[in-house]
Amino acid sequence: MRRALLAPLVAVSVTGCSLSGQDTPCTKIGATSQVSIMWRPADFGGRDAARIRLCVDGTCKERSSGGPDDPFASLSVQLPEDIGASTVPVRLIVTSTKSGDTVVEDSTRARLKEQHPNGTACPPTAWTATLRAHPDKGLISPKGMKLQ
């Protein structure tokens, strides 16, 4: 009797989660739900000439703008994993490190898109949005932004 119970357990462990062995093999790429902004540091002056502050749904992160020789920089605010397909308020404030003056201030609502880095049949599911911080236009789409 003991062998009869052990055989199905061994079969499940060898074939994956399904008894038929038809599950898609999953990679283990991690992902988190988040809103990100990208920018070209050269757009905001010399090395660390500005402080970039990103606020999403009441949670804020900030960092320096980076060096003008860097092709791009980014900043992300993590969201709850179970946030789902929603729209979240996003606010950008860029201040000069030299004078403390606000250089750019903008806000928008970002629609989160479902992401499956390991395929739709595999975890995790992340909800993300990416925007670009532009010195004249504020928060815009990153579409067309060359990362070189």
Protein backbone atom coordinates (compact mmCIF):
# COMPACT_ATOMS: atom_id res chain seq x y z
CA MET A 1 0.00 0.00 0.00
CA ARG A 2 2.83 2.34 0.84
CA ARG A 3 4.41 1.88 -2.63
CA ALA A 4 1.08 2.56 -4.31
CA LEU A 5 0.93 6.02 -2.67
CA LEU A 6 4.58 6.80 -3.30
CA ALA A 7 4.49 6.17 -7.08
CA PRO A 8 2.10 9.07 -7.94
CA LEU A 9 4.17 11.48 -5.82
CA VAL A 10 7.34 10.54 -7.67
CA ALA A 11 5.56 10.95 -11.03
CA VAL A 12 4.35 14.44 -10.09
CA SER A 13 7.80 15.51 -8.91
CA VAL A 14 9.45 14.30 -12.13
CA THR A 15 6.92 15.71 -14.58
CA GLY A 16 6.22 19.07 -12.92
CA CYS A 17 2.98 20.33 -11.45
CA SER A 18 0.59 18.44 -13.66
CA LEU A 19 0.00 14.74 -13.66
CA SER A 20 0.15 14.64 -17.45
CA GLY A 21 3.52 16.42 -17.60
CA GLN A 22 2.13 18.99 -20.08
CA ASP A 23 2.95 22.14 -18.07
CA THR A 24 5.14 24.70 -19.76
CA PRO A 25 8.61 24.80 -18.23
CA CYS A 26 9.03 28.15 -16.48
CA THR A 27 12.13 30.26 -16.18
CA LYS A 28 12.65 32.12 -12.94
CA ILE A 29 12.89 35.74 -14.06
CA GLY A 30 11.66 37.95 -11.26
CA ALA A 31 9.52 41.05 -11.69
CA THR A 32 7.82 43.59 -9.46
CA SER A 33 4.83 45.81 -10.05
CA GLN A 34 6.12 49.34 -10.47
CA VAL A 35 5.98 52.68 -12.25
CA SER A 36 9.30 53.81 -13.73
CA ILE A 37 10.62 56.94 -15.34
CA MET A 38 13.61 57.22 -17.64
CA TRP A 39 15.56 60.27 -18.74
CA ARG A 40 18.73 61.40 -20.44
CA PRO A 41 20.99 62.90 -17.75
CA ALA A 42 22.41 65.34 -20.31
CA ASP A 43 18.90 66.83 -20.62
CA PHE A 44 19.17 68.12 -17.06
CA GLY A 45 22.68 69.65 -17.13
CA GLY A 46 26.04 68.63 -15.71
CA ARG A 47 26.85 65.77 -13.38
CA ASP A 48 24.06 65.39 -10.81
CA ALA A 49 22.78 68.89 -11.63
CA ALA A 50 19.21 67.97 -10.66
CA ARG A 51 17.25 65.89 -8.18
CA ILE A 52 14.55 63.72 -9.78
CA ARG A 53 11.57 62.93 -7.53
CA LEU A 54 8.91 60.44 -8.61
CA CYS A 55 5.70 59.98 -6.61
CA VAL A 56 3.20 57.24 -7.43
CA ASP A 57 -0.03 56.91 -5.51
CA GLY A 58 1.47 58.64 -2.46
CA THR A 59 4.83 56.82 -2.38
CA CYS A 60 7.90 58.82 -3.47
CA LYS A 61 11.49 58.01 -4.45
CA GLU A 62 14.25 60.34 -5.58
CA ARG A 63 17.77 60.34 -6.92
CA SER A 64 20.28 62.59 -8.62
CA SER A 65 20.05 63.10 -12.37
CA GLY A 66 23.33 61.32 -13.14
CA GLY A 67 26.24 62.16 -15.40
CA PRO A 68 25.85 63.75 -18.83
CA ASP A 69 27.93 60.94 -20.37
CA ASP A 70 25.42 58.31 -19.21
CA PRO A 71 23.01 57.44 -22.03
CA PHE A 72 20.01 57.22 -19.68
CA ALA A 73 18.99 56.98 -16.05
CA SER A 74 15.88 55.64 -14.35
CA LEU A 75 13.91 55.63 -11.13
CA SER A 76 11.10 53.29 -10.04
CA VAL A 77 8.43 53.24 -7.37
CA GLN A 78 7.33 49.75 -6.39
CA LEU A 79 3.61 49.00 -6.18
CA PRO A 80 1.67 46.28 -4.33
CA GLU A 81 1.89 43.01 -6.26
CA ASP A 82 -1.89 42.60 -6.30
CA ILE A 83 -2.61 46.08 -7.72
CA GLY A 84 -3.99 44.66 -10.96
CA ALA A 85 -4.99 46.55 -14.08
CA SER A 86 -5.52 50.04 -12.74
CA THR A 87 -4.57 53.64 -13.34
CA VAL A 88 -2.37 55.36 -10.75
CA PRO A 89 -1.51 59.03 -10.16
CA VAL A 90 2.10 59.91 -11.02
CA ARG A 91 3.92 63.12 -10.12
CA LEU A 92 7.37 64.29 -11.23
CA ILE A 93 9.36 67.08 -9.60
CA VAL A 94 12.84 67.97 -10.86
CA THR A 95 14.82 70.50 -8.83
CA SER A 96 18.16 72.15 -9.47
CA THR A 97 20.78 70.95 -6.98
CA LYS A 98 22.55 74.31 -7.26
CA SER A 99 19.65 76.71 -6.64
CA GLY A 100 16.90 74.44 -5.28
CA ASP A 101 14.51 75.85 -7.90
CA THR A 102 11.93 73.58 -9.50
CA VAL A 103 13.00 72.88 -13.08
CA VAL A 104 10.14 70.55 -14.07
CA GLU A 105 6.88 69.74 -12.33
CA ASP A 106 4.24 67.57 -13.96
CA SER A 107 1.63 64.97 -13.12
CA THR A 108 -0.43 62.43 -15.01
CA ARG A 109 -2.24 59.14 -14.55
CA ALA A 110 -0.44 55.99 -15.70
CA ARG A 111 -2.32 52.91 -16.86
CA LEU A 112 -0.61 49.76 -15.62
CA LYS A 113 0.04 46.98 -18.12
CA GLU A 114 0.23 43.30 -17.29
CA GLN A 115 3.68 41.74 -17.68
CA HIS A 116 4.63 38.04 -17.67
CA PRO A 117 8.44 37.83 -17.91
CA ASN A 118 8.34 34.01 -17.86
CA GLY A 119 5.33 33.60 -20.17
CA THR A 120 1.61 33.84 -19.50
CA ALA A 121 1.39 30.38 -17.89
CA CYS A 122 4.19 31.11 -15.39
CA PRO A 123 4.56 33.40 -12.37
CA PRO A 124 5.12 36.20 -11.61
CA THR A 125 2.56 38.63 -12.97
CA ALA A 126 3.70 42.24 -12.65
CA TRP A 127 1.80 45.47 -13.37
CA THR A 128 4.00 48.20 -14.80
CA ALA A 129 4.09 51.56 -16.52
CA THR A 130 7.08 53.48 -17.87
CA LEU A 131 7.26 57.19 -18.62
CA ARG A 132 9.98 59.58 -19.72
CA ALA A 133 11.03 62.69 -17.80
CA HIS A 134 11.56 65.43 -20.40
CA PRO A 135 13.05 68.84 -19.47
CA ASP A 136 10.46 70.82 -21.47
CA LYS A 137 7.46 68.49 -21.75
CA GLY A 138 7.44 66.85 -18.31
CA LEU A 139 6.09 63.29 -18.19
CA ILE A 140 5.79 61.81 -21.68
CA SER A 141 5.85 58.42 -23.37
CA PRO A 142 9.31 56.81 -23.62
CA LYS A 143 8.43 55.70 -27.15
CA GLY A 144 11.20 56.66 -29.56
CA MET A 145 13.73 57.30 -26.79
CA LYS A 146 17.04 55.97 -28.01
CA LEU A 147 18.96 54.36 -25.18
CA GLN A 148 22.37 55.10 -26.72
